[in-house]
């Protein structure tokens, strides 16, 4: 899995390319990701990357930026 793949999925879910341009942006503080978006993200990640992340393991503190999300997903590969 490449970071760019994760960033592309995030850009689709967030409907904003800023996540690609600024991979350290806080998705929650900027209003780019909410509860519904989290579910959409996890469904897309599982479907496209084959990585399952239980919702109970998704915390806003650890999964708040595109870079953090890519790192967390790489750990699960």
N, C-alpha and C. Protein backbone atom coordinates (compact mmCIF):
# COMPACT_ATOMS: atom_id res chain seq x y z
N UNK A 1 0.83 -1.18 0.00
CA UNK A 1 0.00 0.00 0.00
C UNK A 1 0.88 1.25 0.00
N UNK A 2 0.52 2.18 -0.82
CA UNK A 2 1.26 3.44 -0.87
C UNK A 2 0.44 4.54 -0.20
N UNK A 3 1.16 5.49 0.38
CA UNK A 3 0.48 6.62 1.02
C UNK A 3 -0.45 7.33 0.05
N UNK A 4 -0.01 7.46 -1.19
CA UNK A 4 -0.81 8.18 -2.18
C UNK A 4 -2.19 7.53 -2.38
N UNK A 5 -2.24 6.20 -2.30
CA UNK A 5 -3.52 5.49 -2.41
C UNK A 5 -4.45 5.92 -1.27
N UNK A 6 -3.90 5.98 -0.07
CA UNK A 6 -4.68 6.38 1.09
C UNK A 6 -5.15 7.83 0.93
N UNK A 7 -4.24 8.70 0.49
CA UNK A 7 -4.60 10.11 0.29
C UNK A 7 -5.70 10.25 -0.75
N UNK A 8 -5.65 9.46 -1.81
CA UNK A 8 -6.69 9.51 -2.84
C UNK A 8 -8.04 9.08 -2.29
N UNK A 9 -8.04 8.03 -1.49
CA UNK A 9 -9.30 7.59 -0.86
C UNK A 9 -9.83 8.69 0.05
N UNK A 10 -8.96 9.27 0.85
CA UNK A 10 -9.37 10.36 1.75
C UNK A 10 -9.93 11.55 0.97
N UNK A 11 -9.29 11.89 -0.13
CA UNK A 11 -9.77 13.02 -0.94
C UNK A 11 -11.18 12.75 -1.45
N UNK A 12 -11.46 11.51 -1.81
CA UNK A 12 -12.81 11.15 -2.27
C UNK A 12 -13.81 11.21 -1.12
N UNK A 13 -13.44 10.63 0.01
CA UNK A 13 -14.36 10.60 1.16
C UNK A 13 -14.61 12.02 1.69
N UNK A 14 -13.56 12.82 1.78
CA UNK A 14 -13.67 14.18 2.30
C UNK A 14 -14.16 15.17 1.23
N UNK A 15 -14.14 14.75 -0.01
CA UNK A 15 -14.52 15.59 -1.14
C UNK A 15 -13.71 16.88 -1.18
N UNK A 16 -12.39 16.73 -0.94
CA UNK A 16 -11.50 17.88 -0.93
C UNK A 16 -10.07 17.41 -1.16
N UNK A 17 -9.39 18.00 -2.14
CA UNK A 17 -8.01 17.63 -2.44
C UNK A 17 -7.00 18.20 -1.45
N UNK A 18 -7.46 19.01 -0.50
CA UNK A 18 -6.54 19.58 0.48
C UNK A 18 -5.85 18.47 1.28
N UNK A 19 -6.49 17.32 1.40
CA UNK A 19 -5.88 16.21 2.15
C UNK A 19 -4.65 15.67 1.43
N UNK A 20 -4.60 15.84 0.11
CA UNK A 20 -3.43 15.43 -0.67
C UNK A 20 -2.35 16.52 -0.58
N UNK A 21 -2.79 17.76 -0.66
CA UNK A 21 -1.86 18.90 -0.65
C UNK A 21 -1.23 19.12 0.72
N UNK A 22 -1.97 18.82 1.78
CA UNK A 22 -1.49 19.03 3.15
C UNK A 22 -1.76 17.77 3.98
N UNK A 23 -0.88 16.77 3.90
CA UNK A 23 -1.13 15.51 4.59
C UNK A 23 -1.04 15.57 6.12
N UNK A 24 -0.74 16.74 6.67
CA UNK A 24 -0.71 16.88 8.13
C UNK A 24 -1.90 17.69 8.65
N UNK A 25 -2.87 17.96 7.78
CA UNK A 25 -4.06 18.71 8.19
C UNK A 25 -4.90 17.86 9.14
N UNK A 26 -5.43 18.48 10.18
CA UNK A 26 -6.30 17.78 11.12
C UNK A 26 -7.69 17.69 10.49
N UNK A 27 -8.07 16.50 10.10
CA UNK A 27 -9.31 16.29 9.36
C UNK A 27 -10.55 16.63 10.18
N UNK A 28 -10.49 16.42 11.47
CA UNK A 28 -11.65 16.68 12.33
C UNK A 28 -11.77 18.15 12.68
N UNK A 29 -10.65 18.79 13.01
CA UNK A 29 -10.67 20.22 13.34
C UNK A 29 -11.12 21.06 12.15
N UNK A 30 -10.74 20.62 10.95
CA UNK A 30 -11.10 21.36 9.73
C UNK A 30 -12.47 21.00 9.20
N UNK A 31 -13.15 20.07 9.86
CA UNK A 31 -14.50 19.68 9.44
C UNK A 31 -14.53 18.85 8.16
N UNK A 32 -13.42 18.21 7.83
CA UNK A 32 -13.34 17.40 6.62
C UNK A 32 -13.82 15.97 6.85
N UNK A 33 -13.81 15.52 8.09
CA UNK A 33 -14.21 14.16 8.41
C UNK A 33 -15.09 14.19 9.65
N UNK A 34 -16.21 13.47 9.57
CA UNK A 34 -17.11 13.36 10.70
C UNK A 34 -17.44 11.88 10.91
N UNK A 35 -18.41 11.59 11.75
CA UNK A 35 -18.75 10.19 12.05
C UNK A 35 -19.14 9.41 10.81
N UNK A 36 -19.96 10.00 9.96
CA UNK A 36 -20.37 9.34 8.72
C UNK A 36 -19.16 9.15 7.81
N UNK A 37 -18.29 10.14 7.75
CA UNK A 37 -17.08 10.06 6.94
C UNK A 37 -16.14 8.96 7.40
N UNK A 38 -16.06 8.75 8.71
CA UNK A 38 -15.22 7.69 9.25
C UNK A 38 -15.69 6.34 8.72
N UNK A 39 -17.00 6.11 8.79
CA UNK A 39 -17.56 4.85 8.30
C UNK A 39 -17.28 4.69 6.81
N UNK A 40 -17.50 5.74 6.05
CA UNK A 40 -17.23 5.70 4.60
C UNK A 40 -15.76 5.39 4.33
N UNK A 41 -14.88 6.01 5.10
CA UNK A 41 -13.45 5.78 4.94
C UNK A 41 -13.10 4.32 5.22
N UNK A 42 -13.59 3.78 6.31
CA UNK A 42 -13.27 2.41 6.68
C UNK A 42 -13.81 1.41 5.66
N UNK A 43 -14.99 1.69 5.11
CA UNK A 43 -15.57 0.82 4.07
C UNK A 43 -14.71 0.87 2.81
N UNK A 44 -14.31 2.07 2.41
CA UNK A 44 -13.46 2.23 1.21
C UNK A 44 -12.10 1.56 1.40
N UNK A 45 -11.50 1.73 2.56
CA UNK A 45 -10.20 1.13 2.84
C UNK A 45 -10.29 -0.39 2.76
N UNK A 46 -11.34 -0.94 3.34
CA UNK A 46 -11.49 -2.40 3.32
C UNK A 46 -11.74 -2.88 1.88
N UNK A 47 -12.59 -2.19 1.16
CA UNK A 47 -12.92 -2.60 -0.19
C UNK A 47 -11.78 -2.45 -1.18
N UNK A 48 -11.04 -1.37 -1.07
CA UNK A 48 -9.99 -1.07 -2.06
C UNK A 48 -8.61 -1.54 -1.66
N UNK A 49 -8.34 -1.58 -0.37
CA UNK A 49 -7.00 -1.97 0.08
C UNK A 49 -7.00 -3.33 0.79
N UNK A 50 -8.17 -3.83 1.12
CA UNK A 50 -8.25 -5.12 1.80
C UNK A 50 -7.80 -5.07 3.25
N UNK A 51 -7.83 -3.89 3.84
CA UNK A 51 -7.41 -3.72 5.24
C UNK A 51 -8.64 -3.43 6.09
N UNK A 52 -8.88 -4.29 7.06
CA UNK A 52 -10.03 -4.12 7.94
C UNK A 52 -9.61 -3.40 9.21
N UNK A 53 -10.34 -2.34 9.53
CA UNK A 53 -10.09 -1.60 10.77
C UNK A 53 -11.40 -1.57 11.55
N UNK A 54 -11.45 -2.25 12.68
CA UNK A 54 -12.66 -2.18 13.50
C UNK A 54 -12.90 -0.75 13.97
N UNK A 55 -14.14 -0.32 13.93
CA UNK A 55 -14.49 1.05 14.34
C UNK A 55 -14.04 1.31 15.78
N UNK A 56 -13.99 0.28 16.59
CA UNK A 56 -13.59 0.45 17.99
C UNK A 56 -12.11 0.80 18.12
N UNK A 57 -11.32 0.57 17.07
CA UNK A 57 -9.89 0.89 17.12
C UNK A 57 -9.58 2.22 16.45
N UNK A 58 -10.59 2.89 15.93
CA UNK A 58 -10.40 4.17 15.26
C UNK A 58 -10.63 5.28 16.27
N UNK A 59 -9.55 5.99 16.64
CA UNK A 59 -9.69 7.11 17.56
C UNK A 59 -9.29 8.39 16.84
N UNK A 60 -9.99 9.45 17.13
CA UNK A 60 -9.71 10.73 16.48
C UNK A 60 -8.31 11.24 16.81
N UNK A 61 -7.80 10.88 17.97
CA UNK A 61 -6.47 11.35 18.37
C UNK A 61 -5.37 10.70 17.53
N UNK A 62 -5.55 9.44 17.16
CA UNK A 62 -4.51 8.71 16.43
C UNK A 62 -4.73 8.71 14.93
N UNK A 63 -5.94 8.97 14.49
CA UNK A 63 -6.30 8.89 13.07
C UNK A 63 -6.73 10.25 12.54
N UNK A 64 -6.11 11.32 13.00
CA UNK A 64 -6.62 12.67 12.71
C UNK A 64 -6.04 13.33 11.46
N UNK A 65 -4.93 12.82 10.91
CA UNK A 65 -4.35 13.43 9.71
C UNK A 65 -4.17 12.36 8.63
N UNK A 66 -4.08 12.76 7.37
CA UNK A 66 -3.81 11.79 6.31
C UNK A 66 -2.53 10.98 6.57
N UNK A 67 -1.48 11.63 7.03
CA UNK A 67 -0.24 10.90 7.33
C UNK A 67 -0.44 9.88 8.44
N UNK A 68 -1.15 10.26 9.50
CA UNK A 68 -1.41 9.32 10.59
C UNK A 68 -2.24 8.14 10.12
N UNK A 69 -3.24 8.40 9.29
CA UNK A 69 -4.09 7.33 8.78
C UNK A 69 -3.26 6.38 7.93
N UNK A 70 -2.41 6.90 7.06
CA UNK A 70 -1.56 6.05 6.22
C UNK A 70 -0.63 5.20 7.08
N UNK A 71 -0.09 5.79 8.14
CA UNK A 71 0.81 5.04 9.04
C UNK A 71 0.06 3.93 9.75
N UNK A 72 -1.13 4.24 10.28
CA UNK A 72 -1.93 3.25 10.99
C UNK A 72 -2.33 2.11 10.07
N UNK A 73 -2.68 2.43 8.83
CA UNK A 73 -3.06 1.38 7.88
C UNK A 73 -1.87 0.51 7.51
N UNK A 74 -0.70 1.12 7.37
CA UNK A 74 0.52 0.37 7.05
C UNK A 74 0.84 -0.64 8.17
N UNK A 75 0.56 -0.25 9.41
CA UNK A 75 0.79 -1.14 10.54
C UNK A 75 -0.12 -2.36 10.49
N UNK A 76 -1.26 -2.24 9.84
CA UNK A 76 -2.25 -3.32 9.79
C UNK A 76 -2.09 -4.23 8.58
N UNK A 77 -1.22 -3.85 7.67
CA UNK A 77 -1.02 -4.63 6.45
C UNK A 77 -0.45 -5.99 6.73
